[in-house]
Amino acid sequence: HRLDPDVKYVAAESHLFKGEHAPAEKLYADLTANHKQHADLEQWQLRLGLSQFLQKKYQETVDSLTPVASGFQSNGNKAEAQFYVGSSHYQLADFAAAEEALSAAYAAQPKWRRADEVLLDLARAQQKQEKLKEAIVTVKKVLAEFADSDLLDRAHFQLAQYSYDNGDAKTAAAEYGEVVGKWPNSIFVPHALYGKGWSEHRQNENKAAIETFTALIDEHKDHRLVPSARNGRGICRQRTGDYAGGL
């Protein structure tokens, strides 16, 4: 029947919105294989990749979207497809391929609704390849171009991480402090306190580091970083002559 693909599309979308990704994938695979001349083929190809990505079928996502993404007519679809490809490569630990795909996603649509996330993931891929200077530039682009982003806490946190790894403890401490001060409910706060403490210690600001580690220990008692924070605080107390406190 001429409405067969349209009915299957409605069914596939319904499965997708219900979180039933496997049956959605099956229907989209049918649509893309058997209706290659349909006007909505591009959208179906994209949704096939999405349904696979949501199941963490990363290699399948790469295999589905890589051959078609560059030919998409919509720049938004290109950006989204390359985002899934790049994120999948990252999960597969192919960081060079992830960098290439995520760069293509940003180039396709620099103001795409998830372009800030694309850039932050791109920075992660660069960091994994020890391209710290490039990663820092990429994160700074997020801060410059997406002032209203919901991911600014993550952006400052990543900038702090990369700055510390690049030997810039002063910038790292300041950026970790931004996360703690401006986003007190962020999931990154315990990690930011931990990083800030070590950044201060690296600058021989051991009294400040003691306060920072103490904040982590007192305010996040059950966090997995607390034992390491106690170690850091002990080192800093020893450095300041507080041997009893160090013990």
Protein backbone atom coordinates (compact mmCIF):
# COMPACT_ATOMS: atom_id res chain seq x y z
CA HIS A 1 0.00 0.00 0.00
CA ARG A 2 1.26 3.49 -0.81
CA LEU A 3 0.89 4.52 2.85
CA ASP A 4 2.99 1.61 4.11
CA PRO A 5 6.16 3.71 4.72
CA ASP A 6 4.19 6.49 6.40
CA VAL A 7 2.53 4.06 8.79
CA LYS A 8 5.86 2.44 9.62
CA TYR A 9 7.37 5.88 10.22
CA VAL A 10 4.64 6.76 12.72
CA ALA A 11 5.16 3.42 14.45
CA ALA A 12 8.93 3.87 14.54
CA GLU A 13 8.67 7.36 16.01
CA SER A 14 6.19 6.12 18.60
CA HIS A 15 8.56 3.37 19.68
CA LEU A 16 11.39 5.90 19.85
CA PHE A 17 9.43 8.31 22.06
CA LYS A 18 8.43 5.44 24.34
CA GLY A 19 12.07 4.48 24.77
CA GLU A 20 11.62 1.25 22.82
CA HIS A 21 14.71 1.68 20.71
CA ALA A 22 15.10 -1.87 19.35
CA PRO A 23 11.72 -2.03 17.55
CA ALA A 24 12.29 1.52 16.32
CA GLU A 25 15.62 0.47 14.85
CA LYS A 26 14.01 -2.49 13.10
CA LEU A 27 11.36 -0.29 11.47
CA TYR A 28 13.85 2.38 10.42
CA ALA A 29 16.12 -0.29 8.94
CA ASP A 30 13.14 -1.52 6.90
CA LEU A 31 12.28 1.99 5.74
CA THR A 32 15.82 2.93 4.70
CA ALA A 33 16.37 -0.38 2.89
CA ASN A 34 13.06 -0.60 1.02
CA HIS A 35 12.02 3.00 0.31
CA LYS A 36 15.17 4.61 -1.03
CA GLN A 37 13.29 7.07 -3.23
CA HIS A 38 11.05 8.40 -0.48
CA ALA A 39 11.23 12.12 0.28
CA ASP A 40 11.83 11.40 3.99
CA LEU A 41 14.74 8.99 3.45
CA GLU A 42 17.28 11.37 4.97
CA GLN A 43 15.25 11.73 8.16
CA TRP A 44 14.81 7.96 8.42
CA GLN A 45 18.54 7.37 8.00
CA LEU A 46 19.24 9.84 10.78
CA ARG A 47 16.67 8.24 13.07
CA LEU A 48 18.07 4.79 12.37
CA GLY A 49 21.44 6.00 13.61
CA LEU A 50 19.82 7.62 16.64
CA SER A 51 17.94 4.44 17.57
CA GLN A 52 21.23 2.52 17.43
CA PHE A 53 23.13 5.18 19.36
CA LEU A 54 20.55 5.15 22.15
CA GLN A 55 21.10 1.39 22.50
CA LYS A 56 24.85 2.00 22.80
CA LYS A 57 25.36 0.12 19.54
CA TYR A 58 28.22 2.41 18.67
CA GLN A 59 29.80 0.49 15.81
CA GLU A 60 26.40 0.06 14.18
CA THR A 61 25.79 3.81 14.53
CA VAL A 62 29.09 4.53 12.78
CA ASP A 63 28.32 2.01 10.04
CA SER A 64 24.83 3.40 9.44
CA LEU A 65 25.58 7.12 9.44
CA THR A 66 29.12 7.51 8.11
CA PRO A 67 28.27 6.62 4.47
CA VAL A 68 25.29 8.99 4.31
CA ALA A 69 25.90 11.91 6.68
CA SER A 70 27.99 14.05 4.33
CA GLY A 71 25.28 13.79 1.66
CA PHE A 72 22.44 15.07 3.82
CA GLN A 73 20.73 18.14 2.41
CA SER A 74 19.90 19.66 5.79
CA ASN A 75 22.85 21.17 7.65
CA GLY A 76 21.06 20.43 10.91
CA ASN A 77 20.80 16.76 9.96
CA LYS A 78 24.47 16.72 8.97
CA ALA A 79 25.45 18.17 12.33
CA GLU A 80 23.29 15.72 14.25
CA ALA A 81 24.50 12.70 12.29
CA GLN A 82 28.17 13.63 12.71
CA PHE A 83 27.55 14.21 16.41
CA TYR A 84 26.30 10.63 16.82
CA VAL A 85 29.19 9.33 14.72
CA GLY A 86 31.75 11.30 16.69
CA SER A 87 30.27 10.33 20.05
CA SER A 88 30.25 6.69 18.95
CA HIS A 89 33.90 6.82 17.88
CA TYR A 90 34.72 8.32 21.28
CA GLN A 91 32.98 5.43 23.05
CA LEU A 92 34.93 3.04 20.84
CA ALA A 93 38.16 4.78 21.91
CA ASP A 94 38.93 5.93 18.36
CA PHE A 95 39.64 9.50 19.41
CA ALA A 96 41.12 10.70 16.12
CA ALA A 97 37.98 9.62 14.25
CA ALA A 98 35.86 11.20 16.99
CA GLU A 99 37.70 14.50 16.55
CA GLU A 100 37.17 14.40 12.79
CA ALA A 101 33.44 13.68 13.01
CA LEU A 102 32.77 16.20 15.79
CA SER A 103 34.69 18.87 13.87
CA ALA A 104 32.47 18.10 10.87
CA ALA A 105 29.38 18.39 13.07
CA TYR A 106 30.35 21.86 14.24
CA ALA A 107 31.33 22.97 10.73
CA ALA A 108 27.98 21.82 9.32
CA GLN A 109 25.92 23.95 11.71
CA PRO A 110 27.88 26.13 14.19
CA LYS A 111 24.65 27.29 15.82
CA TRP A 112 22.98 23.88 15.95
CA ARG A 113 20.96 23.38 19.15
CA ARG A 114 23.62 21.05 20.59
CA ALA A 115 26.69 22.76 19.13
CA ASP A 116 27.97 23.57 22.63
CA GLU A 117 27.89 19.87 23.49
CA VAL A 118 29.59 19.05 20.20
CA LEU A 119 32.48 21.35 21.05
CA LEU A 120 32.86 20.00 24.59
CA ASP A 121 32.94 16.45 23.26
CA LEU A 122 35.43 17.57 20.61
CA ALA A 123 37.65 18.96 23.36
CA ARG A 124 37.48 15.62 25.18
CA ALA A 125 38.58 13.81 22.02
CA GLN A 126 41.48 16.24 21.62
CA GLN A 127 42.49 15.81 25.26
CA LYS A 128 42.53 12.03 24.85
CA GLN A 129 45.10 12.53 22.09
CA GLU A 130 47.15 14.81 24.38
CA LYS A 131 46.26 17.83 22.24
CA LEU A 132 45.84 19.98 25.33
CA LYS A 133 46.35 23.37 23.65
CA GLU A 134 43.73 22.53 21.03
CA ALA A 135 41.33 21.28 23.70
CA ILE A 136 41.72 24.52 25.67
CA VAL A 137 40.99 26.59 22.55
CA THR A 138 37.90 24.48 21.83
CA VAL A 139 36.47 24.90 25.33
CA LYS A 140 37.13 28.63 25.26
CA LYS A 141 35.10 28.75 22.05
CA VAL A 142 32.13 27.38 24.00
CA LEU A 143 32.53 30.06 26.66
CA ALA A 144 32.81 32.78 24.01
CA GLU A 145 30.00 31.66 21.68
CA PHE A 146 27.45 30.10 24.02
CA ALA A 147 27.11 32.45 26.98
CA ASP A 148 23.61 31.11 27.73
CA SER A 149 24.53 27.43 27.48
CA ASP A 150 23.25 25.00 30.09
CA LEU A 151 26.68 23.32 29.95
CA LEU A 152 28.81 26.18 31.23
CA ASP A 153 29.63 24.35 34.46
CA ARG A 154 30.98 21.47 32.40
CA ALA A 155 32.88 23.89 30.14
CA HIS A 156 34.64 25.58 33.06
CA PHE A 157 35.36 22.18 34.62
CA GLN A 158 36.95 20.85 31.42
CA LEU A 159 38.96 24.05 30.99
CA ALA A 160 40.25 23.61 34.54
CA GLN A 161 41.22 19.99 33.88
CA TYR A 162 43.07 20.76 30.67
CA SER A 163 44.81 23.79 32.18
CA TYR A 164 46.06 21.70 35.10
CA ASP A 165 47.31 18.96 32.79
CA ASN A 166 49.00 21.64 30.70
CA GLY A 167 50.91 22.91 33.74
CA ASP A 168 48.79 26.01 34.42
CA ALA A 169 47.70 25.43 38.01
CA LYS A 170 46.70 29.07 38.53
CA THR A 171 44.12 29.01 35.74
CA ALA A 172 42.97 25.55 36.83
CA ALA A 173 42.31 26.75 40.40
CA ALA A 174 40.37 29.76 39.11
CA GLU A 175 38.25 27.68 36.74
CA TYR A 176 37.50 25.04 39.36
CA GLY A 177 36.51 27.92 41.63
CA GLU A 178 34.08 29.17 38.97
CA VAL A 179 32.27 25.83 39.03
CA VAL A 180 32.06 25.76 42.83
CA GLY A 181 31.02 29.39 43.16
CA LYS A 182 28.49 29.72 40.34
CA TRP A 183 26.98 26.24 40.16
CA PRO A 184 26.83 24.91 43.74
CA ASN A 185 24.40 22.16 42.75
CA SER A 186 26.38 20.94 39.75
CA ILE A 187 27.40 17.31 39.60
CA PHE A 188 30.93 18.58 38.96
CA VAL A 189 31.29 20.37 42.33
CA PRO A 190 32.97 17.52 44.28
CA HIS A 191 35.41 16.95 41.42
CA ALA A 192 35.99 20.71 41.13
CA LEU A 193 36.79 20.99 44.85
CA TYR A 194 39.19 18.10 44.52
CA GLY A 195 40.90 19.62 41.47
CA LYS A 196 41.02 23.06 43.07
CA GLY A 197 42.69 21.64 46.16
CA TRP A 198 45.45 19.99 44.15
CA SER A 199 45.83 23.09 41.96
CA GLU A 200 46.35 25.22 45.07
CA HIS A 201 48.78 22.67 46.47
CA ARG A 202 50.78 22.74 43.23
CA GLN A 203 51.16 26.52 43.73
CA ASN A 204 52.26 25.99 47.36
CA GLU A 205 49.04 27.60 48.56
CA ASN A 206 48.65 24.85 51.10
CA LYS A 207 46.44 26.74 53.58
CA ALA A 208 43.94 27.46 50.82
CA ALA A 209 44.17 23.84 49.69
CA ILE A 210 43.39 22.64 53.23
CA GLU A 211 40.18 24.70 53.21
CA THR A 212 39.23 23.37 49.79
CA PHE A 213 39.83 19.74 50.68
CA THR A 214 37.93 20.26 53.94
CA ALA A 215 34.93 21.59 52.03
CA LEU A 216 34.87 18.43 49.94
CA ILE A 217 35.28 16.18 52.98
CA ASP A 218 32.62 17.95 55.05
CA GLU A 219 30.03 18.69 52.37
CA HIS A 220 30.26 15.47 50.34
CA LYS A 221 30.90 12.88 53.02
CA ASP A 222 29.94 9.86 50.94
CA HIS A 223 31.73 10.83 47.74
CA ARG A 224 34.34 8.44 46.39
CA LEU A 225 36.94 11.24 46.29
CA VAL A 226 36.87 11.80 50.07
CA PRO A 227 39.71 9.34 50.88
CA SER A 228 41.94 10.99 48.27
CA ALA A 229 40.92 14.42 49.58
CA ARG A 230 41.97 13.36 53.09
CA ASN A 231 45.31 12.32 51.66
CA GLY A 232 45.68 15.69 49.96
CA ARG A 233 44.69 17.58 53.11
CA GLY A 234 47.15 15.50 55.13
CA ILE A 235 49.98 16.40 52.76
CA CYS A 236 49.08 20.09 52.91
CA ARG A 237 48.88 20.07 56.73
CA GLN A 238 52.30 18.42 56.86
CA ARG A 239 53.65 21.11 54.53
CA THR A 240 52.31 23.88 56.80
CA GLY A 241 53.81 22.33 59.93
CA ASP A 242 50.52 20.96 61.27
CA TYR A 243 51.93 17.50 61.93
CA ALA A 244 49.19 16.45 64.34
CA GLY A 245 46.57 17.40 61.79
CA GLY A 246 48.51 15.57 59.12
CA LEU A 247 48.54 12.42 61.20
